[in-house]
C-alpha atoms as a PDB file:
ATOM      1  CA  MET A   1     -64.814  48.802 -29.349  1.00  0.00           C
ATOM      2  CA  SER A   2     -64.448  49.469 -25.265  1.00  0.00           C
ATOM      3  CA  GLU A   3     -62.698  52.234 -23.219  1.00  0.00           C
ATOM      4  CA  ILE A   4     -59.478  52.222 -21.833  1.00  0.00           C
ATOM      5  CA  ILE A   5     -60.084  55.756 -20.679  1.00  0.00           C
ATOM      6  CA  ASN A   6     -63.011  57.975 -19.142  1.00  0.00           C
ATOM      7  CA  ILE A   7     -62.444  60.523 -17.633  1.00  0.00           C
ATOM      8  CA  SER A   8     -65.377  62.789 -16.790  1.00  0.00           C
ATOM      9  CA  ASN A   9     -65.973  66.563 -15.346  1.00  0.00           C
ATOM     10  CA  VAL A  10     -61.931  66.140 -13.835  1.00  0.00           C
ATOM     11  CA  ARG A  11     -60.918  69.164 -12.237  1.00  0.00           C
ATOM     12  CA  LYS A  12     -57.501  69.971 -10.663  1.00  0.00           C
ATOM     13  CA  THR A  13     -56.813  72.711  -8.095  1.00  0.00           C
ATOM     14  CA  PHE A  14     -52.941  73.376  -7.001  1.00  0.00           C
ATOM     15  CA  GLY A  15     -52.916  75.815  -3.583  1.00  0.00           C
ATOM     16  CA  PHE A  16     -55.142  77.431  -1.301  1.00  0.00           C
ATOM     17  CA  GLY A  17     -57.231  80.997  -0.887  1.00  0.00           C
ATOM     18  CA  ASP A  18     -55.564  83.501  -2.886  1.00  0.00           C
ATOM     19  CA  ASN A  19     -52.911  81.358  -4.381  1.00  0.00           C
ATOM     20  CA  GLU A  20     -55.312  78.849  -6.088  1.00  0.00           C
ATOM     21  CA  PHE A  21     -54.404  77.647  -9.462  1.00  0.00           C
ATOM     22  CA  HIS A  22     -57.629  75.776 -11.424  1.00  0.00           C
ATOM     23  CA  ALA A  23     -55.170  73.372 -13.647  1.00  0.00           C
ATOM     24  CA  LEU A  24     -58.081  71.516 -15.150  1.00  0.00           C
ATOM     25  CA  LYS A  25     -61.641  73.081 -15.320  1.00  0.00           C
ATOM     26  CA  GLY A  26     -63.621  70.410 -15.808  1.00  0.00           C
ATOM     27  CA  VAL A  27     -62.166  67.894 -18.548  1.00  0.00           C
ATOM     28  CA  SER A  28     -64.111  65.387 -19.817  1.00  0.00           C
ATOM     29  CA  LEU A  29     -62.558  62.434 -22.684  1.00  0.00           C
ATOM     30  CA  GLN A  30     -62.602  58.976 -23.380  1.00  0.00           C
ATOM     31  CA  VAL A  31     -60.127  57.110 -25.219  1.00  0.00           C
ATOM     32  CA  GLN A  32     -61.401  53.646 -26.927  1.00  0.00           C
ATOM     33  CA  LYS A  33     -59.107  50.367 -26.908  1.00  0.00           C
ATOM     34  CA  ASN A  34     -56.622  50.508 -29.936  1.00  0.00           C
ATOM     35  CA  GLU A  35     -57.030  54.182 -30.539  1.00  0.00           C
ATOM     36  CA  PHE A  36     -53.938  56.317 -31.225  1.00  0.00           C
ATOM     37  CA  VAL A  37     -54.609  59.767 -29.619  1.00  0.00           C
ATOM     38  CA  ALA A  38     -52.118  62.766 -29.339  1.00  0.00           C
ATOM     39  CA  LEU A  39     -52.756  65.425 -26.791  1.00  0.00           C
ATOM     40  CA  MET A  40     -51.699  69.069 -27.627  1.00  0.00           C
ATOM     41  CA  GLY A  41     -51.791  72.242 -25.746  1.00  0.00           C
ATOM     42  CA  SER A  42     -49.401  75.173 -24.790  1.00  0.00           C
ATOM     43  CA  SER A  43     -47.342  75.745 -21.914  1.00  0.00           C
ATOM     44  CA  GLY A  44     -50.021  76.157 -19.561  1.00  0.00           C
ATOM     45  CA  SER A  45     -52.554  74.768 -20.708  1.00  0.00           C
ATOM     46  CA  GLY A  46     -52.997  71.536 -18.375  1.00  0.00           C
ATOM     47  CA  LYS A  47     -51.966  69.056 -20.639  1.00  0.00           C
ATOM     48  CA  SER A  48     -48.982  68.066 -17.986  1.00  0.00           C
ATOM     49  CA  THR A  49     -51.253  67.999 -15.276  1.00  0.00           C
ATOM     50  CA  LEU A  50     -54.066  65.886 -17.482  1.00  0.00           C
ATOM     51  CA  MET A  51     -51.258  63.718 -18.128  1.00  0.00           C
ATOM     52  CA  ASN A  52     -50.105  63.285 -14.333  1.00  0.00           C
ATOM     53  CA  ILE A  53     -53.715  61.918 -13.737  1.00  0.00           C
ATOM     54  CA  ILE A  54     -54.176  59.541 -16.623  1.00  0.00           C
ATOM     55  CA  SER A  55     -50.617  58.003 -16.039  1.00  0.00           C
ATOM     56  CA  CYS A  56     -51.648  57.526 -12.224  1.00  0.00           C
ATOM     57  CA  LEU A  57     -49.091  59.908 -10.828  1.00  0.00           C
ATOM     58  CA  ASP A  58     -51.575  62.352  -9.371  1.00  0.00           C
ATOM     59  CA  THR A  59     -55.139  61.985  -9.104  1.00  0.00           C
ATOM     60  CA  PRO A  60     -58.365  64.591  -9.309  1.00  0.00           C
ATOM     61  CA  THR A  61     -59.245  67.250  -7.014  1.00  0.00           C
ATOM     62  CA  GLU A  62     -63.090  66.382  -8.536  1.00  0.00           C
ATOM     63  CA  GLY A  63     -64.327  64.285 -11.204  1.00  0.00           C
ATOM     64  CA  SER A  64     -64.188  60.749 -12.164  1.00  0.00           C
ATOM     65  CA  TYR A  65     -61.383  58.856 -14.204  1.00  0.00           C
ATOM     66  CA  PHE A  66     -61.495  55.291 -15.220  1.00  0.00           C
ATOM     67  CA  LEU A  67     -58.656  53.541 -16.489  1.00  0.00           C
ATOM     68  CA  ASN A  68     -59.419  49.701 -18.369  1.00  0.00           C
ATOM     69  CA  GLY A  69     -62.680  49.695 -16.168  1.00  0.00           C
ATOM     70  CA  GLN A  70     -60.985  50.516 -12.732  1.00  0.00           C
ATOM     71  CA  ASP A  71     -61.852  53.489 -10.850  1.00  0.00           C
ATOM     72  CA  VAL A  72     -58.775  55.139  -9.758  1.00  0.00           C
ATOM     73  CA  SER A  73     -59.849  58.762  -9.338  1.00  0.00           C
ATOM     74  CA  CYS A  74     -59.420  57.932  -5.664  1.00  0.00           C
ATOM     75  CA  MET A  75     -56.864  55.463  -4.832  1.00  0.00           C
ATOM     76  CA  ASN A  76     -53.946  55.534  -2.286  1.00  0.00           C
ATOM     77  CA  ASP A  77     -50.637  55.897  -4.057  1.00  0.00           C
ATOM     78  CA  ASP A  78     -49.633  52.243  -3.638  1.00  0.00           C
ATOM     79  CA  ASP A  79     -52.780  51.131  -5.086  1.00  0.00           C
ATOM     80  CA  LEU A  80     -51.487  53.667  -8.032  1.00  0.00           C
ATOM     81  CA  ALA A  81     -48.607  52.616  -7.997  1.00  0.00           C
ATOM     82  CA  LEU A  82     -50.049  49.103  -8.483  1.00  0.00           C
ATOM     83  CA  VAL A  83     -52.231  49.878 -11.630  1.00  0.00           C
ATOM     84  CA  ARG A  84     -48.927  51.899 -13.151  1.00  0.00           C
ATOM     85  CA  ASN A  85     -47.015  48.475 -12.994  1.00  0.00           C
ATOM     86  CA  ASN A  86     -49.733  46.083 -14.364  1.00  0.00           C
ATOM     87  CA  GLU A  87     -51.335  48.820 -16.549  1.00  0.00           C
ATOM     88  CA  ILE A  88     -49.615  51.553 -18.032  1.00  0.00           C
ATOM     89  CA  GLY A  89     -46.423  51.643 -20.080  1.00  0.00           C
ATOM     90  CA  ILE A  90     -44.529  54.984 -20.369  1.00  0.00           C
ATOM     91  CA  VAL A  91     -42.432  56.449 -23.062  1.00  0.00           C
ATOM     92  CA  PHE A  92     -40.678  59.512 -21.662  1.00  0.00           C
ATOM     93  CA  GLN A  93     -38.441  62.547 -24.349  1.00  0.00           C
ATOM     94  CA  THR A  94     -35.366  62.183 -22.222  1.00  0.00           C
ATOM     95  CA  PHE A  95     -35.485  57.902 -21.888  1.00  0.00           C
ATOM     96  CA  ASN A  96     -34.290  57.727 -18.833  1.00  0.00           C
ATOM     97  CA  LEU A  97     -32.374  54.561 -19.337  1.00  0.00           C
ATOM     98  CA  LEU A  98     -30.036  52.949 -16.901  1.00  0.00           C
ATOM     99  CA  ASN A  99     -26.208  54.388 -18.240  1.00  0.00           C
ATOM    100  CA  LYS A 100     -24.601  51.119 -16.189  1.00  0.00           C
ATOM    101  CA  LYS A 101     -27.287  48.754 -17.959  1.00  0.00           C
ATOM    102  CA  SER A 102     -27.202  46.517 -21.220  1.00  0.00           C
ATOM    103  CA  ALA A 103     -30.462  47.177 -23.885  1.00  0.00           C
ATOM    104  CA  TRP A 104     -31.638  43.824 -22.362  1.00  0.00           C
ATOM    105  CA  GLU A 105     -31.631  44.846 -18.786  1.00  0.00           C
ATOM    106  CA  ASN A 106     -33.165  48.307 -19.176  1.00  0.00           C
ATOM    107  CA  VAL A 107     -35.864  46.269 -21.084  1.00  0.00           C
ATOM    108  CA  ALA A 108     -36.139  43.820 -18.097  1.00  0.00           C
ATOM    109  CA  LEU A 109     -35.762  46.315 -15.357  1.00  0.00           C
ATOM    110  CA  PRO A 110     -40.034  46.129 -14.891  1.00  0.00           C
ATOM    111  CA  LEU A 111     -39.872  42.344 -14.706  1.00  0.00           C
ATOM    112  CA  VAL A 112     -37.734  42.705 -11.739  1.00  0.00           C
ATOM    113  CA  TYR A 113     -39.893  44.349  -9.662  1.00  0.00           C
ATOM    114  CA  ALA A 114     -42.497  41.663 -10.570  1.00  0.00           C
ATOM    115  CA  ASN A 115     -40.162  39.119  -9.128  1.00  0.00           C
ATOM    116  CA  ILE A 116     -39.272  37.500 -12.961  1.00  0.00           C
ATOM    117  CA  ASN A 117     -36.827  35.074 -12.731  1.00  0.00           C
ATOM    118  CA  LYS A 118     -33.526  36.390 -14.613  1.00  0.00           C
ATOM    119  CA  ASP A 119     -33.964  33.651 -17.511  1.00  0.00           C
ATOM    120  CA  GLU A 120     -37.292  35.108 -18.067  1.00  0.00           C
ATOM    121  CA  ARG A 121     -36.059  38.705 -17.915  1.00  0.00           C
ATOM    122  CA  PHE A 122     -33.667  37.882 -20.644  1.00  0.00           C
ATOM    123  CA  GLU A 123     -36.042  35.490 -23.159  1.00  0.00           C
ATOM    124  CA  ARG A 124     -38.581  38.290 -22.839  1.00  0.00           C
ATOM    125  CA  ALA A 125     -36.387  41.337 -23.344  1.00  0.00           C
ATOM    126  CA  LEU A 126     -34.691  39.633 -26.263  1.00  0.00           C
ATOM    127  CA  ALA A 127     -38.574  39.116 -28.330  1.00  0.00           C
ATOM    128  CA  MET A 128     -39.411  42.685 -27.251  1.00  0.00           C
ATOM    129  CA  LEU A 129     -36.028  43.847 -28.540  1.00  0.00           C
ATOM    130  CA  ASP A 130     -37.058  42.246 -31.781  1.00  0.00           C
ATOM    131  CA  LYS A 131     -40.152  43.719 -31.690  1.00  0.00           C
ATOM    132  CA  VAL A 132     -38.501  47.148 -32.328  1.00  0.00           C
ATOM    133  CA  GLY A 133     -35.995  45.902 -34.187  1.00  0.00           C
ATOM    134  CA  LEU A 134     -32.906  46.262 -31.726  1.00  0.00           C
ATOM    135  CA  LYS A 135     -32.198  42.459 -30.873  1.00  0.00           C
ATOM    136  CA  SER A 136     -28.519  42.883 -32.318  1.00  0.00           C
ATOM    137  CA  LYS A 137     -28.447  45.710 -29.941  1.00  0.00           C
ATOM    138  CA  ALA A 138     -29.198  43.652 -26.713  1.00  0.00           C
ATOM    139  CA  GLU A 139     -25.690  43.838 -25.009  1.00  0.00           C
ATOM    140  CA  SER A 140     -25.200  47.617 -26.049  1.00  0.00           C
ATOM    141  CA  LYS A 141     -25.294  50.368 -23.201  1.00  0.00           C
ATOM    142  CA  PRO A 142     -26.863  53.440 -24.202  1.00  0.00           C
ATOM    143  CA  SER A 143     -23.756  55.016 -24.673  1.00  0.00           C
ATOM    144  CA  GLN A 144     -22.828  52.750 -27.827  1.00  0.00           C
ATOM    145  CA  MET A 145     -26.750  53.707 -29.367  1.00  0.00           C
ATOM    146  CA  SER A 146     -27.935  56.373 -31.220  1.00  0.00           C
ATOM    147  CA  GLY A 147     -30.596  58.474 -29.706  1.00  0.00           C
ATOM    148  CA  GLY A 148     -33.159  57.215 -31.896  1.00  0.00           C
ATOM    149  CA  GLN A 149     -31.889  53.543 -31.031  1.00  0.00           C
ATOM    150  CA  ILE A 150     -32.355  54.260 -26.856  1.00  0.00           C
ATOM    151  CA  GLN A 151     -35.827  55.983 -27.682  1.00  0.00           C
ATOM    152  CA  ARG A 152     -36.559  52.101 -29.265  1.00  0.00           C
ATOM    153  CA  VAL A 153     -35.030  50.581 -26.457  1.00  0.00           C
ATOM    154  CA  ALA A 154     -37.694  52.738 -23.989  1.00  0.00           C
ATOM    155  CA  VAL A 155     -40.321  51.855 -26.340  1.00  0.00           C
ATOM    156  CA  ALA A 156     -39.337  48.392 -26.073  1.00  0.00           C
ATOM    157  CA  ARG A 157     -38.813  48.771 -21.974  1.00  0.00           C
ATOM    158  CA  ALA A 158     -42.790  50.440 -21.816  1.00  0.00           C
ATOM    159  CA  LEU A 159     -44.222  47.369 -23.171  1.00  0.00           C
ATOM    160  CA  ILE A 160     -42.258  44.593 -21.952  1.00  0.00           C
ATOM    161  CA  ASN A 161     -45.378  44.186 -19.166  1.00  0.00           C
ATOM    162  CA  ASN A 162     -48.418  44.177 -22.263  1.00  0.00           C
ATOM    163  CA  PRO A 163     -49.541  47.076 -20.881  1.00  0.00           C
ATOM    164  CA  SER A 164     -53.225  47.978 -21.521  1.00  0.00           C
ATOM    165  CA  LEU A 165     -52.267  51.944 -22.727  1.00  0.00           C
ATOM    166  CA  LEU A 166     -49.043  53.057 -23.881  1.00  0.00           C
ATOM    167  CA  LEU A 167     -48.101  56.814 -22.700  1.00  0.00           C
ATOM    168  CA  ALA A 168     -45.483  58.644 -24.737  1.00  0.00           C
ATOM    169  CA  ASP A 169     -44.439  62.113 -23.572  1.00  0.00           C
ATOM    170  CA  GLU A 170     -42.965  63.588 -26.297  1.00  0.00           C
ATOM    171  CA  PRO A 171     -41.278  60.977 -27.434  1.00  0.00           C
ATOM    172  CA  THR A 172     -39.876  62.759 -30.458  1.00  0.00           C
ATOM    173  CA  GLY A 173     -38.675  66.169 -29.030  1.00  0.00           C
ATOM    174  CA  ASN A 174     -34.811  64.938 -28.476  1.00  0.00           C
ATOM    175  CA  LEU A 175     -34.751  63.184 -31.648  1.00  0.00           C
ATOM    176  CA  ASP A 176     -33.943  64.929 -35.197  1.00  0.00           C
ATOM    177  CA  SER A 177     -36.770  65.178 -38.067  1.00  0.00           C
ATOM    178  CA  THR A 178     -35.489  61.483 -39.293  1.00  0.00           C
ATOM    179  CA  THR A 179     -35.507  60.023 -36.405  1.00  0.00           C
ATOM    180  CA  SER A 180     -38.564  61.091 -35.026  1.00  0.00           C
ATOM    181  CA  TYR A 181     -40.175  60.131 -38.059  1.00  0.00           C
ATOM    182  CA  GLU A 182     -38.848  56.615 -37.362  1.00  0.00           C
ATOM    183  CA  ILE A 183     -40.057  56.162 -34.291  1.00  0.00           C
ATOM    184  CA  MET A 184     -43.085  57.569 -35.404  1.00  0.00           C
ATOM    185  CA  ASP A 185     -43.360  54.331 -37.921  1.00  0.00           C
ATOM    186  CA  LEU A 186     -43.113  52.118 -34.887  1.00  0.00           C
ATOM    187  CA  PHE A 187     -45.921  53.855 -32.873  1.00  0.00           C
ATOM    188  CA  THR A 188     -47.796  53.516 -35.855  1.00  0.00           C
ATOM    189  CA  GLU A 189     -46.634  49.907 -36.195  1.00  0.00           C
ATOM    190  CA  LEU A 190     -47.389  49.346 -32.785  1.00  0.00           C
ATOM    191  CA  HIS A 191     -50.795  50.513 -33.058  1.00  0.00           C
ATOM    192  CA  GLN A 192     -51.550  48.636 -36.290  1.00  0.00           C
ATOM    193  CA  GLN A 193     -50.485  45.385 -33.730  1.00  0.00           C
ATOM    194  CA  GLY A 194     -53.452  46.533 -31.418  1.00  0.00           C
ATOM    195  CA  ASN A 195     -51.809  49.212 -28.726  1.00  0.00           C
ATOM    196  CA  THR A 196     -53.759  51.355 -27.262  1.00  0.00           C
ATOM    197  CA  ILE A 197     -51.337  54.848 -27.595  1.00  0.00           C
ATOM    198  CA  LEU A 198     -52.304  58.525 -26.313  1.00  0.00           C
ATOM    199  CA  MET A 199     -49.148  60.962 -27.105  1.00  0.00           C
ATOM    200  CA  VAL A 200     -48.426  63.927 -25.790  1.00  0.00           C
ATOM    201  CA  THR A 201     -46.419  66.031 -28.336  1.00  0.00           C
ATOM    202  CA  HIS A 202     -46.260  70.178 -29.507  1.00  0.00           C
ATOM    203  CA  GLU A 203     -45.619  68.960 -32.794  1.00  0.00           C
ATOM    204  CA  ASP A 204     -48.187  69.354 -35.734  1.00  0.00           C
ATOM    205  CA  ASP A 205     -46.311  66.636 -38.122  1.00  0.00           C
ATOM    206  CA  ILE A 206     -45.940  63.984 -35.537  1.00  0.00           C
ATOM    207  CA  ALA A 207     -49.391  65.001 -34.251  1.00  0.00           C
ATOM    208  CA  ASN A 208     -50.872  64.181 -37.811  1.00  0.00           C
ATOM    209  CA  TYR A 209     -49.425  60.467 -37.214  1.00  0.00           C
ATOM    210  CA  THR A 210     -52.199  59.774 -35.120  1.00  0.00           C
ATOM    211  CA  GLN A 211     -56.193  58.985 -35.530  1.00  0.00           C
ATOM    212  CA  ARG A 212     -57.210  62.202 -32.617  1.00  0.00           C
ATOM    213  CA  ILE A 213     -56.544  65.253 -31.765  1.00  0.00           C
ATOM    214  CA  ILE A 214     -57.119  66.539 -28.555  1.00  0.00           C
ATOM    215  CA  ARG A 215     -55.906  70.311 -27.949  1.00  0.00           C
ATOM    216  CA  LEU A 216     -56.163  72.307 -24.185  1.00  0.00           C
ATOM    217  CA  GLN A 217     -56.340  75.604 -23.495  1.00  0.00           C
ATOM    218  CA  ASP A 218     -56.739  76.915 -20.337  1.00  0.00           C
ATOM    219  CA  GLY A 219     -57.275  73.750 -18.627  1.00  0.00           C
ATOM    220  CA  LEU A 220     -60.172  73.252 -20.833  1.00  0.00           C
ATOM    221  CA  ILE A 221     -60.839  70.666 -24.190  1.00  0.00           C
ATOM    222  CA  LEU A 222     -60.508  73.399 -26.975  1.00  0.00           C
ATOM    223  CA  THR A 223     -60.892  70.667 -30.073  1.00  0.00           C
ATOM    224  CA  ASN A 224     -61.349  66.999 -29.819  1.00  0.00           C
ATOM    225  CA  ASN A 225     -61.352  65.521 -32.976  1.00  0.00           C
END
């Protein structure tokens, strides 16, 4: 297997002087292609900071981060945005769908930024909705769908550009337990189809769906197995 994520001795510091805060204190980790990994840690553990770096929303103060062979540690904002669009699909806890748009329009949104024409956007969005079991809801708006269906739309949108890495940030945080397990069954299926998935969660039963759990505490990796 080849590495999708290779993070080496990453440190992240906020503030200056007496107000300096070390969110990450030398974190190293690797995620292989087609792995399914959970990232866990209590508030203040550095989990969110690490996730922001992995998702190319931020850069480390020190250390290196290679994503699918690219050194993204020192990229500027424009280059990071390009990497995010091409390499990363993100599923959020709060779904982040546009309420006035249909399911297929929400799924196709990343294709608008890629200048794909409307007919192709529709076909690709429909195929992705079919993949997550929601083709019949293509014309429905978020207000006409359940929480689980909305999250499936969000997953389809994250996958529309065929990213190298799927990041899921507390994807079951706003769902009841039954719906949570349905979404995790979907992630398991996507993993079996070859997707590389890194998921942030604070729930042990959700983390147990993954192959490996990385636990952070006080800016350091506590366990990685």
